[in-house]
Amino acid sequence: MVRFDVDVYFSVKFKLLPIVGSKGIKSLILPSVTLSVWLVAVYIRRIRACILEEINKDYVVALESKGISSSKIMLFHILPNSLLTIITMFGMSIGSILGWNNNY
């Protein structure tokens, strides 16, 4: 179980962070990291899929043929078009974390 190993590692072995308590912000770090670490892989996979989908569209080929650099195409065209899916996914994951429902 990943959560148990992370909690024990940082709280018992290193004595850096408490597992539970109400000692301010320090007691919130470990539980919040533990709850959100499983979302990192889900986000990375989805961002990659969205970017690859946008790269294959016709407007990217047209922008490349106009001589626009690939970094400008990525920053100003592909990423903004991919963000809608990521923002929607972020909103759903907030509800998932609050309700602790792993539907991914």
Protein backbone atom coordinates (compact mmCIF):
# COMPACT_ATOMS: atom_id res chain seq x y z
CA MET A 1 0.00 0.00 0.00
CA VAL A 2 1.64 3.20 -1.19
CA ARG A 3 0.07 5.56 1.30
CA PHE A 4 1.27 3.59 4.31
CA ASP A 5 4.84 3.48 3.00
CA VAL A 6 4.98 7.22 2.28
CA ASP A 7 3.47 8.12 5.64
CA VAL A 8 5.78 5.86 7.58
CA TYR A 9 8.83 6.93 5.61
CA PHE A 10 8.40 10.67 6.15
CA SER A 11 6.86 10.64 9.61
CA VAL A 12 8.47 7.76 11.50
CA LYS A 13 11.88 7.34 9.87
CA PHE A 14 12.74 10.97 9.07
CA LYS A 15 10.42 12.61 11.66
CA LEU A 16 9.72 15.43 9.23
CA LEU A 17 5.94 15.50 8.92
CA PRO A 18 3.13 14.32 11.21
CA ILE A 19 0.66 11.75 9.88
CA VAL A 20 -2.31 13.35 11.64
CA GLY A 21 -2.84 16.37 13.80
CA SER A 22 -3.69 20.01 13.72
CA LYS A 23 -0.29 21.65 14.01
CA GLY A 24 -0.84 24.05 11.16
CA ILE A 25 0.19 23.69 7.55
CA LYS A 26 2.83 21.09 8.34
CA SER A 27 0.18 18.52 9.25
CA LEU A 28 -1.63 19.04 5.93
CA ILE A 29 1.32 18.38 3.61
CA LEU A 30 1.57 14.60 3.89
CA PRO A 31 -2.18 13.81 3.58
CA SER A 32 -2.61 16.12 0.60
CA VAL A 33 0.42 14.67 -1.21
CA THR A 34 -0.84 11.17 -0.49
CA LEU A 35 -4.29 11.95 -1.89
CA SER A 36 -3.04 13.65 -5.04
CA VAL A 37 -0.10 11.49 -6.09
CA TRP A 38 -2.28 8.95 -7.93
CA LEU A 39 -3.66 11.72 -10.16
CA VAL A 40 -0.25 12.61 -11.57
CA ALA A 41 -0.09 9.58 -13.84
CA VAL A 42 -3.67 10.10 -14.98
CA TYR A 43 -3.02 13.74 -15.87
CA ILE A 44 0.25 13.05 -17.68
CA ARG A 45 -1.33 10.31 -19.78
CA ARG A 46 -4.32 12.49 -20.69
CA ILE A 47 -2.21 15.55 -21.51
CA ARG A 48 -0.04 13.45 -23.80
CA ALA A 49 -3.10 12.00 -25.55
CA CYS A 50 -4.63 15.46 -26.06
CA ILE A 51 -1.41 16.91 -27.44
CA LEU A 52 -0.90 14.01 -29.83
CA GLU A 53 -4.48 14.39 -31.02
CA GLU A 54 -4.03 18.11 -31.66
CA ILE A 55 -0.69 17.65 -33.45
CA ASN A 56 -2.35 15.54 -36.13
CA LYS A 57 -4.94 18.18 -37.03
CA ASP A 58 -4.87 20.15 -40.28
CA TYR A 59 -4.33 23.60 -38.77
CA VAL A 60 -0.99 22.46 -37.27
CA VAL A 61 0.21 21.37 -40.71
CA ALA A 62 -0.90 24.71 -42.12
CA LEU A 63 0.95 26.63 -39.40
CA GLU A 64 4.09 24.57 -40.00
CA SER A 65 3.89 25.25 -43.73
CA LYS A 66 3.73 29.00 -43.00
CA GLY A 67 7.09 28.68 -41.26
CA ILE A 68 5.98 29.23 -37.68
CA SER A 69 8.32 27.57 -35.20
CA SER A 70 7.18 24.39 -33.51
CA SER A 71 7.58 25.90 -30.05
CA LYS A 72 5.21 28.77 -30.92
CA ILE A 73 2.72 26.32 -32.41
CA MET A 74 2.87 24.20 -29.26
CA LEU A 75 2.61 27.14 -26.85
CA PHE A 76 0.01 29.28 -28.58
CA HIS A 77 -2.14 26.78 -30.50
CA ILE A 78 -1.87 23.18 -29.33
CA LEU A 79 -1.74 23.70 -25.55
CA PRO A 80 -4.69 26.13 -25.35
CA ASN A 81 -6.81 23.75 -27.43
CA SER A 82 -5.83 20.84 -25.18
CA LEU A 83 -6.55 22.70 -21.95
CA LEU A 84 -10.33 22.32 -22.15
CA THR A 85 -10.08 18.58 -21.59
CA ILE A 86 -7.54 19.02 -18.80
CA ILE A 87 -9.65 21.63 -16.98
CA THR A 88 -12.69 19.38 -17.21
CA MET A 89 -10.68 16.49 -15.86
CA PHE A 90 -9.36 18.68 -13.03
CA GLY A 91 -12.90 19.59 -11.98
CA MET A 92 -13.94 15.96 -11.97
CA SER A 93 -10.89 14.96 -9.94
CA ILE A 94 -11.65 17.58 -7.27
CA GLY A 95 -15.02 15.95 -6.75
CA SER A 96 -13.40 12.55 -6.81
CA ILE A 97 -10.89 13.51 -4.12
CA LEU A 98 -13.55 15.07 -1.92
CA GLY A 99 -15.83 12.05 -2.28
CA TRP A 100 -12.93 9.58 -2.50
CA ASN A 101 -14.29 7.82 -5.55
CA ASN A 102 -11.60 6.40 -7.85
CA ASN A 103 -13.33 6.20 -11.21
CA TYR A 104 -10.18 6.59 -13.31
